[in-house]
C-alpha atoms as a PDB file:
ATOM      1  CA  UNK A   1      -7.097  13.777  -9.343  1.00  0.00           C
ATOM      2  CA  UNK A   2     -10.142  16.336  -9.680  1.00  0.00           C
ATOM      3  CA  UNK A   3     -12.987  15.723 -11.966  1.00  0.00           C
ATOM      4  CA  UNK A   4     -11.544  18.507 -14.093  1.00  0.00           C
ATOM      5  CA  UNK A   5      -8.336  17.159 -14.744  1.00  0.00           C
ATOM      6  CA  UNK A   6      -7.306  16.006 -17.816  1.00  0.00           C
ATOM      7  CA  UNK A   7      -6.743  12.033 -17.778  1.00  0.00           C
ATOM      8  CA  UNK A   8      -3.319  10.757 -18.303  1.00  0.00           C
ATOM      9  CA  UNK A   9      -1.588   7.774 -19.531  1.00  0.00           C
ATOM     10  CA  UNK A  10      -0.372   5.733 -16.576  1.00  0.00           C
ATOM     11  CA  UNK A  11       0.581   3.054 -18.967  1.00  0.00           C
ATOM     12  CA  UNK A  12       3.072   5.622 -20.443  1.00  0.00           C
ATOM     13  CA  UNK A  13       4.082   6.864 -17.483  1.00  0.00           C
ATOM     14  CA  UNK A  14       5.214   3.304 -15.844  1.00  0.00           C
ATOM     15  CA  UNK A  15       6.798   2.332 -18.903  1.00  0.00           C
ATOM     16  CA  UNK A  16       8.767   5.744 -19.328  1.00  0.00           C
ATOM     17  CA  UNK A  17       9.912   5.677 -15.257  1.00  0.00           C
ATOM     18  CA  UNK A  18      10.602   2.010 -15.583  1.00  0.00           C
ATOM     19  CA  UNK A  19      12.934   3.019 -18.433  1.00  0.00           C
ATOM     20  CA  UNK A  20      14.834   5.031 -16.278  1.00  0.00           C
ATOM     21  CA  UNK A  21      15.518   2.153 -13.596  1.00  0.00           C
ATOM     22  CA  UNK A  22      19.212   1.494 -13.993  1.00  0.00           C
ATOM     23  CA  UNK A  23      18.878  -1.213 -11.448  1.00  0.00           C
ATOM     24  CA  UNK A  24      16.385  -3.469 -13.290  1.00  0.00           C
ATOM     25  CA  UNK A  25      18.140  -2.904 -16.397  1.00  0.00           C
ATOM     26  CA  UNK A  26      21.194  -4.183 -14.931  1.00  0.00           C
ATOM     27  CA  UNK A  27      19.659  -7.408 -13.906  1.00  0.00           C
ATOM     28  CA  UNK A  28      18.032  -7.724 -17.385  1.00  0.00           C
ATOM     29  CA  UNK A  29      14.224  -7.351 -16.014  1.00  0.00           C
ATOM     30  CA  UNK A  30      11.696  -6.093 -18.031  1.00  0.00           C
ATOM     31  CA  UNK A  31       8.084  -4.816 -17.962  1.00  0.00           C
ATOM     32  CA  UNK A  32       5.575  -7.035 -19.376  1.00  0.00           C
ATOM     33  CA  UNK A  33       2.168  -5.935 -17.869  1.00  0.00           C
ATOM     34  CA  UNK A  34       1.000  -2.831 -17.025  1.00  0.00           C
ATOM     35  CA  UNK A  35      -2.500  -2.242 -15.621  1.00  0.00           C
ATOM     36  CA  UNK A  36      -4.465   0.011 -13.250  1.00  0.00           C
ATOM     37  CA  UNK A  37      -2.982  -1.259  -9.697  1.00  0.00           C
ATOM     38  CA  UNK A  38      -0.971  -4.385 -11.281  1.00  0.00           C
ATOM     39  CA  UNK A  39       2.350  -4.582 -12.968  1.00  0.00           C
ATOM     40  CA  UNK A  40       4.368  -7.692 -14.055  1.00  0.00           C
ATOM     41  CA  UNK A  41       8.035  -7.698 -14.616  1.00  0.00           C
ATOM     42  CA  UNK A  42      10.052 -10.718 -16.065  1.00  0.00           C
ATOM     43  CA  UNK A  43      13.491 -11.781 -15.684  1.00  0.00           C
ATOM     44  CA  UNK A  44      15.518 -14.308 -17.481  1.00  0.00           C
ATOM     45  CA  UNK A  45      17.645 -16.683 -15.611  1.00  0.00           C
ATOM     46  CA  UNK A  46      21.295 -15.409 -15.326  1.00  0.00           C
ATOM     47  CA  UNK A  47      24.207 -17.111 -13.491  1.00  0.00           C
ATOM     48  CA  UNK A  48      25.323 -13.804 -12.579  1.00  0.00           C
ATOM     49  CA  UNK A  49      22.409 -13.260 -10.587  1.00  0.00           C
ATOM     50  CA  UNK A  50      22.375 -16.327  -8.683  1.00  0.00           C
ATOM     51  CA  UNK A  51      24.074 -17.373  -4.776  1.00  0.00           C
ATOM     52  CA  UNK A  52      26.398 -19.865  -4.197  1.00  0.00           C
ATOM     53  CA  UNK A  53      24.422 -22.636  -4.826  1.00  0.00           C
ATOM     54  CA  UNK A  54      23.251 -21.572  -8.243  1.00  0.00           C
ATOM     55  CA  UNK A  55      19.658 -20.289  -7.075  1.00  0.00           C
ATOM     56  CA  UNK A  56      18.382 -16.883  -7.998  1.00  0.00           C
ATOM     57  CA  UNK A  57      19.712 -14.497  -5.076  1.00  0.00           C
ATOM     58  CA  UNK A  58      17.495 -13.265  -2.358  1.00  0.00           C
ATOM     59  CA  UNK A  59      18.331  -9.874  -2.712  1.00  0.00           C
ATOM     60  CA  UNK A  60      17.460  -9.930  -6.657  1.00  0.00           C
ATOM     61  CA  UNK A  61      13.787 -11.645  -5.768  1.00  0.00           C
ATOM     62  CA  UNK A  62      13.312  -8.603  -3.207  1.00  0.00           C
ATOM     63  CA  UNK A  63      14.264  -6.047  -5.521  1.00  0.00           C
ATOM     64  CA  UNK A  64      12.032  -7.033  -8.675  1.00  0.00           C
ATOM     65  CA  UNK A  65       9.450  -7.658  -5.974  1.00  0.00           C
ATOM     66  CA  UNK A  66       9.924  -4.056  -4.911  1.00  0.00           C
ATOM     67  CA  UNK A  67       9.725  -2.458  -8.333  1.00  0.00           C
ATOM     68  CA  UNK A  68       6.625  -4.881  -9.485  1.00  0.00           C
ATOM     69  CA  UNK A  69       4.907  -3.454  -6.363  1.00  0.00           C
ATOM     70  CA  UNK A  70       5.640  -0.331  -6.420  1.00  0.00           C
ATOM     71  CA  UNK A  71       5.032   0.191  -9.908  1.00  0.00           C
ATOM     72  CA  UNK A  72       1.648  -1.049  -9.413  1.00  0.00           C
ATOM     73  CA  UNK A  73       0.591   1.949  -6.707  1.00  0.00           C
ATOM     74  CA  UNK A  74       2.381   4.254  -9.179  1.00  0.00           C
ATOM     75  CA  UNK A  75      -0.137   3.401 -11.629  1.00  0.00           C
ATOM     76  CA  UNK A  76      -2.978   4.826  -9.253  1.00  0.00           C
ATOM     77  CA  UNK A  77      -1.235   7.695  -7.799  1.00  0.00           C
ATOM     78  CA  UNK A  78      -1.721  11.397  -9.511  1.00  0.00           C
ATOM     79  CA  UNK A  79       0.495  12.599 -12.438  1.00  0.00           C
ATOM     80  CA  UNK A  80       2.400  14.972  -9.938  1.00  0.00           C
ATOM     81  CA  UNK A  81       3.243  12.635  -7.109  1.00  0.00           C
ATOM     82  CA  UNK A  82       6.041   9.814  -7.281  1.00  0.00           C
ATOM     83  CA  UNK A  83       6.582   7.003  -4.637  1.00  0.00           C
ATOM     84  CA  UNK A  84       9.391   5.760  -2.031  1.00  0.00           C
ATOM     85  CA  UNK A  85       9.090   2.499  -0.660  1.00  0.00           C
ATOM     86  CA  UNK A  86       9.348   2.816   3.298  1.00  0.00           C
ATOM     87  CA  UNK A  87       9.061  -0.656   3.906  1.00  0.00           C
ATOM     88  CA  UNK A  88       8.887  -4.447   2.992  1.00  0.00           C
ATOM     89  CA  UNK A  89       8.497  -7.813   4.123  1.00  0.00           C
ATOM     90  CA  UNK A  90       9.607 -10.916   2.024  1.00  0.00           C
ATOM     91  CA  UNK A  91       8.669 -14.654   2.435  1.00  0.00           C
ATOM     92  CA  UNK A  92      10.919 -16.872   0.729  1.00  0.00           C
ATOM     93  CA  UNK A  93       8.922 -20.033  -0.226  1.00  0.00           C
ATOM     94  CA  UNK A  94      10.944 -22.251  -2.441  1.00  0.00           C
ATOM     95  CA  UNK A  95      14.234 -22.395  -4.033  1.00  0.00           C
ATOM     96  CA  UNK A  96      14.489 -19.821  -7.148  1.00  0.00           C
ATOM     97  CA  UNK A  97      15.512 -22.421  -9.717  1.00  0.00           C
ATOM     98  CA  UNK A  98      13.910 -21.954 -13.441  1.00  0.00           C
ATOM     99  CA  UNK A  99      14.739 -20.569 -16.644  1.00  0.00           C
ATOM    100  CA  UNK A 100      12.593 -17.200 -16.263  1.00  0.00           C
ATOM    101  CA  UNK A 101      11.156 -15.384 -13.207  1.00  0.00           C
ATOM    102  CA  UNK A 102       7.590 -13.470 -13.123  1.00  0.00           C
ATOM    103  CA  UNK A 103       7.349 -10.821 -10.297  1.00  0.00           C
ATOM    104  CA  UNK A 104       3.578  -9.522  -9.855  1.00  0.00           C
ATOM    105  CA  UNK A 105       2.888  -6.513  -8.255  1.00  0.00           C
ATOM    106  CA  UNK A 106      -0.834  -5.650  -7.241  1.00  0.00           C
ATOM    107  CA  UNK A 107      -2.112  -2.645  -4.941  1.00  0.00           C
ATOM    108  CA  UNK A 108      -3.713  -3.813  -1.659  1.00  0.00           C
ATOM    109  CA  UNK A 109      -4.475  -0.671  -0.479  1.00  0.00           C
ATOM    110  CA  UNK A 110      -4.383   2.804  -2.272  1.00  0.00           C
ATOM    111  CA  UNK A 111      -3.877   5.830  -0.276  1.00  0.00           C
ATOM    112  CA  UNK A 112      -3.280   9.537  -0.728  1.00  0.00           C
ATOM    113  CA  UNK A 113      -0.109   9.424   1.533  1.00  0.00           C
ATOM    114  CA  UNK A 114       0.602   5.580   2.202  1.00  0.00           C
ATOM    115  CA  UNK A 115      -0.053   2.553  -0.467  1.00  0.00           C
ATOM    116  CA  UNK A 116       0.225  -1.082   0.483  1.00  0.00           C
ATOM    117  CA  UNK A 117       1.063  -3.399  -2.304  1.00  0.00           C
ATOM    118  CA  UNK A 118       1.356  -7.213  -2.315  1.00  0.00           C
ATOM    119  CA  UNK A 119       3.717  -9.122  -4.725  1.00  0.00           C
ATOM    120  CA  UNK A 120       4.337 -12.579  -5.839  1.00  0.00           C
ATOM    121  CA  UNK A 121       7.251 -14.166  -7.506  1.00  0.00           C
ATOM    122  CA  UNK A 122       7.043 -17.229  -9.729  1.00  0.00           C
ATOM    123  CA  UNK A 123       9.620 -19.777 -10.740  1.00  0.00           C
ATOM    124  CA  UNK A 124       8.377 -20.436 -14.556  1.00  0.00           C
ATOM    125  CA  UNK A 125       9.967 -23.300 -16.219  1.00  0.00           C
ATOM    126  CA  UNK A 126       9.087 -25.020 -20.147  1.00  0.00           C
ATOM    127  CA  UNK A 127       8.242 -28.158 -18.638  1.00  0.00           C
ATOM    128  CA  UNK A 128       5.780 -27.703 -15.783  1.00  0.00           C
ATOM    129  CA  UNK A 129       3.588 -24.889 -14.360  1.00  0.00           C
ATOM    130  CA  UNK A 130       4.976 -21.962 -12.701  1.00  0.00           C
ATOM    131  CA  UNK A 131       5.714 -22.271  -9.055  1.00  0.00           C
ATOM    132  CA  UNK A 132       5.262 -19.671  -6.395  1.00  0.00           C
ATOM    133  CA  UNK A 133       8.965 -19.032  -4.811  1.00  0.00           C
ATOM    134  CA  UNK A 134       8.250 -15.821  -2.961  1.00  0.00           C
ATOM    135  CA  UNK A 135       5.511 -13.052  -1.625  1.00  0.00           C
ATOM    136  CA  UNK A 136       6.448  -9.731  -0.443  1.00  0.00           C
ATOM    137  CA  UNK A 137       4.044  -6.996   1.394  1.00  0.00           C
ATOM    138  CA  UNK A 138       5.593  -3.421   0.731  1.00  0.00           C
ATOM    139  CA  UNK A 139       4.554   0.070   2.078  1.00  0.00           C
ATOM    140  CA  UNK A 140       5.221   3.168  -0.564  1.00  0.00           C
ATOM    141  CA  UNK A 141       4.886   6.782   0.843  1.00  0.00           C
ATOM    142  CA  UNK A 142       3.382   9.256  -1.775  1.00  0.00           C
ATOM    143  CA  UNK A 143       6.008  12.102  -2.489  1.00  0.00           C
ATOM    144  CA  UNK A 144       5.023  15.481  -3.651  1.00  0.00           C
ATOM    145  CA  UNK A 145       6.811  18.460  -4.046  1.00  0.00           C
ATOM    146  CA  UNK A 146      10.211  17.002  -2.926  1.00  0.00           C
ATOM    147  CA  UNK A 147      13.706  18.257  -4.689  1.00  0.00           C
ATOM    148  CA  UNK A 148      15.427  15.505  -6.614  1.00  0.00           C
ATOM    149  CA  UNK A 149      12.237  13.293  -6.581  1.00  0.00           C
ATOM    150  CA  UNK A 150       9.816  13.873  -9.701  1.00  0.00           C
ATOM    151  CA  UNK A 151       6.220  12.009 -10.799  1.00  0.00           C
END
């Protein structure tokens, strides 16, 4: 954005876009924090999101971390651009067992074409401190003027 551009409400833009995310709605995820370069998503435990051992499924963890990291990046791009994830790496550090889960995405390296973000997933229990259960590094491509992909 150049100096003459009108400032825009990145928080409203992130919230509006998140509201269109059918995948996040399907798993019951909610956007709980939006700051420039940082986004948090929370998810209550649900048996429908578990694997055979009753733990939150790795695919659910990856999807929520990807969304948190991508929306963190979305908060730092110009309002006429959008993003597509082009790569991510997830490390599953501990079993996902808790009443709630917190997924935090933070921009590590902003850019005009490529943005890198890092994410952390936490199991949140009422009887103790939050526990780090996964980490992710993701790479997003900034998209402008592509049919079917809007800001």
